[in-house]
Protein backbone atom coordinates (compact mmCIF):
# COMPACT_ATOMS: atom_id res chain seq x y z
CA MET A 1 5.64 126.21 34.02
CA SER A 2 4.58 128.38 31.06
CA LEU A 3 7.05 129.88 28.64
CA ALA A 4 6.84 133.56 27.68
CA PHE A 5 7.68 134.47 24.08
CA GLY A 6 8.85 137.81 22.87
CA LEU A 7 10.14 139.63 19.78
CA THR A 8 12.99 142.06 19.32
CA ALA A 9 12.26 144.19 16.25
CA ASP A 10 13.05 147.60 14.78
CA ASP A 11 9.45 148.20 13.73
CA PRO A 12 7.00 148.64 16.64
CA ALA A 13 4.30 147.29 14.35
CA ALA A 14 5.97 143.90 14.30
CA LEU A 15 4.11 142.93 17.49
CA GLY A 16 0.75 143.55 15.99
CA ALA A 17 1.70 141.79 12.75
CA PHE A 18 2.76 138.73 14.64
CA THR A 19 -0.42 138.67 16.65
CA ALA A 20 -2.55 139.09 13.51
CA ALA A 21 -0.73 136.22 11.79
CA THR A 22 -0.66 133.74 14.72
CA GLY A 23 -3.57 134.71 16.91
CA VAL A 24 -1.13 135.01 19.83
CA THR A 25 0.24 138.23 21.32
CA PRO A 26 3.91 137.98 22.39
CA SER A 27 4.44 138.51 26.14
CA ILE A 28 7.54 140.67 25.59
CA SER A 29 8.24 143.51 23.14
CA ALA A 30 11.99 144.30 22.97
CA TRP A 31 14.16 146.95 21.30
CA PHE A 32 17.66 148.47 21.55
CA ARG A 33 18.70 151.87 22.80
CA ASP A 34 22.29 153.16 22.84
CA TRP A 35 23.80 156.05 24.82
CA SER A 36 24.41 158.45 21.98
CA GLY A 37 22.35 161.61 21.57
CA GLU A 38 20.01 162.96 24.21
CA PRO A 39 19.12 160.69 27.12
CA ALA A 40 15.72 159.33 26.09
CA PHE A 41 13.33 156.62 27.15
CA ASP A 42 10.88 155.74 24.41
CA ALA A 43 7.66 156.08 26.39
CA ALA A 44 5.48 155.91 23.30
CA ARG A 45 6.88 152.53 22.31
CA ALA A 46 6.62 151.29 25.88
CA ASP A 47 3.00 152.40 25.99
CA ALA A 48 2.28 150.60 22.67
CA ALA A 49 3.75 147.38 24.12
CA ARG A 50 1.76 147.81 27.29
CA ARG A 51 -1.51 148.30 25.39
CA CYS A 52 -0.93 144.99 23.63
CA GLY A 53 -0.34 143.29 27.03
CA ALA A 54 3.37 142.88 26.44
CA LEU A 55 6.25 143.76 28.81
CA PRO A 56 8.50 146.44 27.29
CA LEU A 57 12.13 145.24 27.35
CA VAL A 58 14.88 147.72 26.53
CA THR A 59 18.40 146.55 25.75
CA TRP A 60 20.31 149.54 27.09
CA GLU A 61 23.77 149.83 25.49
CA PRO A 62 26.45 152.17 26.77
CA TRP A 63 28.06 153.03 23.42
CA THR A 64 27.54 154.86 20.16
CA ALA A 65 26.09 152.06 18.08
CA GLY A 66 28.07 151.18 14.95
CA ARG A 67 31.37 152.52 16.15
CA GLY A 68 32.73 149.24 17.36
CA PRO A 69 34.23 148.20 20.74
CA ASP A 70 37.10 150.76 20.75
CA GLN A 71 35.18 153.40 22.69
CA PRO A 72 37.15 153.96 25.92
CA GLU A 73 34.65 156.61 27.12
CA TYR A 74 32.30 153.75 27.81
CA ALA A 75 34.72 151.53 29.66
CA LEU A 76 33.16 149.88 32.71
CA ALA A 77 35.50 151.65 35.11
CA ARG A 78 34.25 154.99 33.78
CA ILE A 79 30.64 153.96 34.21
CA ALA A 80 31.35 152.78 37.78
CA ALA A 81 33.22 156.02 38.54
CA GLY A 82 30.23 158.10 37.65
CA ASP A 83 31.28 159.62 34.34
CA HIS A 84 27.85 158.97 32.88
CA ASP A 85 25.73 159.68 35.94
CA ASP A 86 23.90 162.54 34.32
CA ARG A 87 22.68 160.40 31.49
CA VAL A 88 21.79 157.43 33.72
CA THR A 89 19.90 159.64 36.15
CA ALA A 90 17.98 161.35 33.36
CA VAL A 91 16.83 158.06 31.92
CA ALA A 92 15.97 156.73 35.38
CA GLU A 93 13.77 159.76 35.98
CA GLN A 94 12.10 159.25 32.58
CA VAL A 95 11.34 155.63 33.49
CA ARG A 96 10.05 156.63 36.95
CA ASP A 97 7.80 159.31 35.48
CA TRP A 98 6.43 156.99 32.81
CA GLY A 99 5.01 154.98 35.67
CA GLY A 100 4.79 151.52 34.13
CA HIS A 101 6.67 148.25 34.50
CA LEU A 102 9.77 147.90 32.33
CA ALA A 103 12.50 145.30 31.85
CA LEU A 104 16.03 146.68 31.35
CA ARG A 105 18.82 144.55 29.87
CA PHE A 106 21.97 146.50 30.73
CA LEU A 107 25.48 145.53 29.58
CA HIS A 108 24.21 142.58 27.57
CA GLU A 109 26.66 139.89 26.39
CA LEU A 110 28.99 141.12 29.10
CA ASP A 111 31.41 138.24 28.66
CA ALA A 112 32.05 138.92 24.92
CA PRO A 113 34.62 141.36 23.39
CA HIS A 114 32.46 142.96 20.75
CA TYR A 115 31.16 145.88 22.77
CA PRO A 116 33.02 148.62 24.75
CA TRP A 117 31.80 147.15 27.99
CA GLY A 118 32.82 143.60 27.09
CA ALA A 119 35.40 141.37 28.72
CA GLY A 120 38.95 142.17 27.68
CA VAL A 121 38.00 145.51 25.98
CA ASN A 122 38.99 148.97 27.20
CA GLY A 123 40.71 147.53 30.25
CA ASN A 124 37.48 146.03 31.62
CA THR A 125 37.80 143.56 34.48
CA PRO A 126 35.23 141.47 36.33
CA ASP A 127 35.48 143.80 39.26
CA HIS A 128 34.65 146.76 37.00
CA ALA A 129 31.69 144.85 35.60
CA VAL A 130 30.26 144.25 39.03
CA ALA A 131 30.88 147.80 40.15
CA ALA A 132 29.30 149.32 37.02
CA TRP A 133 26.21 147.23 37.34
CA ARG A 134 25.67 148.02 40.99
CA HIS A 135 26.41 151.72 40.51
CA VAL A 136 23.79 152.13 37.76
CA ARG A 137 21.22 150.21 39.69
CA ARG A 138 21.87 152.40 42.76
CA LEU A 139 21.18 155.50 40.68
CA PHE A 140 17.77 154.10 39.60
CA ARG A 141 16.98 153.40 43.21
CA ALA A 142 18.05 156.83 44.27
CA VAL A 143 15.50 158.55 42.01
CA GLY A 144 12.69 156.10 42.82
CA ALA A 145 12.67 154.14 39.55
CA HIS A 146 11.75 150.91 41.25
CA ASP A 147 9.35 149.22 38.80
CA VAL A 148 12.13 147.81 36.64
CA THR A 149 13.09 144.21 36.02
CA TRP A 150 16.89 144.12 35.74
CA ILE A 151 18.25 141.52 33.26
CA TRP A 152 21.85 140.46 33.48
CA CYS A 153 22.92 138.85 30.20
CA VAL A 154 25.84 136.89 28.82
CA ASN A 155 26.68 135.28 25.50
CA ALA A 156 26.63 131.64 24.38
CA PRO A 157 29.14 130.18 24.10
CA GLY A 158 30.87 132.35 26.75
CA SER A 159 34.35 133.58 26.09
CA VAL A 160 35.16 134.03 29.83
CA PRO A 161 33.64 132.52 33.02
CA TYR A 162 30.32 134.02 33.96
CA ARG A 163 30.51 133.88 37.74
CA PRO A 164 33.21 136.55 38.30
CA LEU A 165 31.16 139.03 36.25
CA TYR A 166 27.98 138.48 38.21
CA PRO A 167 26.88 141.21 40.64
CA GLY A 168 24.83 138.89 42.86
CA ASP A 169 21.22 137.84 43.10
CA GLU A 170 20.32 140.87 45.26
CA TRP A 171 21.21 143.09 42.28
CA VAL A 172 19.63 141.08 39.45
CA ASP A 173 16.05 140.00 38.71
CA TRP A 174 16.58 137.69 35.69
CA VAL A 175 19.72 136.08 34.31
CA ALA A 176 19.85 135.72 30.51
CA VAL A 177 21.86 134.32 27.69
CA ASP A 178 22.01 135.20 24.00
CA GLY A 179 22.73 132.53 21.37
CA TYR A 180 22.50 132.10 17.58
CA ASN A 181 22.76 129.35 14.98
CA GLY A 182 24.41 130.96 12.02
CA GLY A 183 24.45 127.78 9.96
CA SER A 184 26.39 128.15 6.68
CA ALA A 185 25.21 131.75 6.35
CA MET A 186 27.73 133.02 8.87
CA PRO A 187 31.51 132.42 9.04
CA TRP A 188 31.41 130.94 12.55
CA GLY A 189 30.39 127.67 13.97
CA GLY A 190 28.48 125.94 11.21
CA TRP A 191 25.10 124.46 11.88
CA ARG A 192 24.63 124.07 15.65
CA SER A 193 21.64 122.63 17.40
CA PRO A 194 19.95 124.50 20.29
CA ASP A 195 21.66 122.06 22.61
CA ASP A 196 25.04 122.90 21.10
CA VAL A 197 24.35 126.60 21.43
CA PHE A 198 22.81 126.84 24.88
CA LEU A 199 23.38 123.77 27.09
CA PRO A 200 26.83 124.74 28.45
CA ALA A 201 25.69 128.29 29.14
CA LEU A 202 22.43 127.24 30.82
CA THR A 203 24.41 124.85 33.04
CA ASP A 204 26.85 127.57 34.03
CA LEU A 205 24.15 130.08 34.70
CA ARG A 206 22.30 127.62 36.96
CA ARG A 207 25.45 127.32 39.01
CA THR A 208 25.85 131.11 39.11
CA SER A 209 22.44 132.39 40.07
CA GLY A 210 19.06 131.39 41.50
CA ARG A 211 17.19 133.99 39.53
CA PRO A 212 14.73 133.15 36.68
CA LEU A 213 16.52 132.21 33.51
CA VAL A 214 15.66 133.60 30.11
CA ILE A 215 17.05 133.38 26.59
CA ALA A 216 17.04 137.08 25.72
CA GLU A 217 18.20 136.89 22.12
CA VAL A 218 17.91 133.88 19.89
CA ALA A 219 17.66 133.29 16.13
CA CYS A 220 18.54 130.76 13.49
CA ALA A 221 19.69 131.13 9.84
CA GLU A 222 17.92 129.25 7.09
CA GLN A 223 21.16 128.04 5.39
CA GLY A 224 22.78 124.80 6.40
CA GLY A 225 19.94 122.87 8.04
CA ASP A 226 16.28 122.70 8.87
CA LYS A 227 15.22 125.94 10.66
CA ALA A 228 11.71 124.73 11.46
CA ARG A 229 13.10 121.67 13.19
CA TRP A 230 15.64 123.81 15.03
CA ILE A 231 12.82 126.01 16.31
CA HIS A 232 10.89 123.02 17.58
CA ARG A 233 13.95 121.73 19.49
CA LEU A 234 14.59 125.20 20.92
CA PHE A 235 11.17 125.30 22.58
CA GLU A 236 11.60 121.79 23.84
CA LEU A 237 14.97 122.65 25.34
CA ALA A 238 13.59 125.73 26.99
CA VAL A 239 10.84 123.75 28.68
CA GLU A 240 13.22 120.95 29.70
CA HIS A 241 15.55 123.44 31.44
CA ASP A 242 12.94 125.67 33.03
CA VAL A 243 13.77 128.65 30.82
CA ARG A 244 11.08 131.21 31.59
CA ALA A 245 11.15 133.28 28.41
CA LEU A 246 12.51 133.23 24.80
CA VAL A 247 12.96 136.52 22.93
CA TRP A 248 13.39 136.10 19.20
CA PHE A 249 15.75 138.46 17.35
CA ASP A 250 13.36 139.28 14.48
CA HIS A 251 15.75 141.14 12.17
CA ASP A 252 17.05 140.75 8.62
CA LYS A 253 20.56 141.78 9.45
CA GLU A 254 23.76 139.71 8.97
CA THR A 255 21.35 137.11 7.52
CA ASP A 256 17.61 136.72 7.64
CA TRP A 257 17.08 135.83 11.24
CA ARG A 258 13.39 136.61 11.19
CA VAL A 259 10.62 134.32 12.27
CA ALA A 260 9.13 134.73 8.82
CA SER A 261 12.33 134.02 6.88
CA SER A 262 10.42 131.13 5.29
CA PRO A 263 6.84 129.77 5.51
CA ALA A 264 8.14 126.62 7.28
CA ALA A 265 10.00 128.65 9.96
CA PHE A 266 7.00 130.84 10.62
CA GLU A 267 4.69 127.86 10.87
CA ALA A 268 7.07 126.28 13.35
CA VAL A 269 7.00 129.34 15.61
CA ARG A 270 3.23 129.75 15.17
CA ARG A 271 2.73 126.15 16.19
CA GLU A 272 5.02 126.35 19.21
CA VAL A 273 3.53 129.55 20.69
CA ARG A 274 0.02 128.18 20.29
CA VAL A 275 0.76 124.97 22.22
CA ALA A 276 -1.29 125.01 25.41
CA GLY A 277 0.69 126.17 28.38
CA ARG A 278 3.65 127.26 26.31
CA LEU A 279 2.85 131.00 26.14
CA GLY A 280 2.64 132.70 29.43
CA PRO A 281 3.48 135.94 31.22
CA PRO A 282 7.10 136.92 31.81
CA PRO A 283 8.60 135.47 34.99
């Protein structure tokens, strides 16, 4: 089974830069879009990804980014009740009219409390989570936006059980998990191996769903251990557990998470994505 590799980056040019440096085009090009401002699907960026042979993947976040989790207007019950139907329908129509294949990661890290839609925030319950997910997907179906891969995503390690939040395989195309090794750069966890970060979550997700499994956000700090070795083990773990895609969070944000944070880290990723059979199309 081949393993697809993708990048999440602010700069659309990151995909081409990675390809030029490694000789390999990522299979997935990912970015974030919140619900503030006018409803908008970035068709130009999706076109750029498609021209490179990459699947566009939008992490679609119902909040105003940067304002924190205390945004009750984006509570799951309000999404499920239809308070945001005009926005959802407008974006669904834009996606339909664009006419290409898109992956949509909606309500990502649903089990964590750091977003307005997260567990334990704004009165959210598992029933609300299921209802909100199904409601939004119904709206896409209603306008004929069918060429969308829907990604249901949790966090590793999870703060609440995954299964009660899951809307069911008939509503989901991929199941995903996000996980980071912050090492000594971040005030949580210390240096954790890919097994420490992901194994419990992967096991739980296998019990929860029969859909293809992906790691939708992953990155490693430089401080506290050997990032290049960590990357090598991440790819091994993914292959061992039939993970179908890895999407690297290629940002210099809380720390330098990027693939190119050091020559050793970049060489590790370059080597892994060039291994025969390791880089394939998305599931």
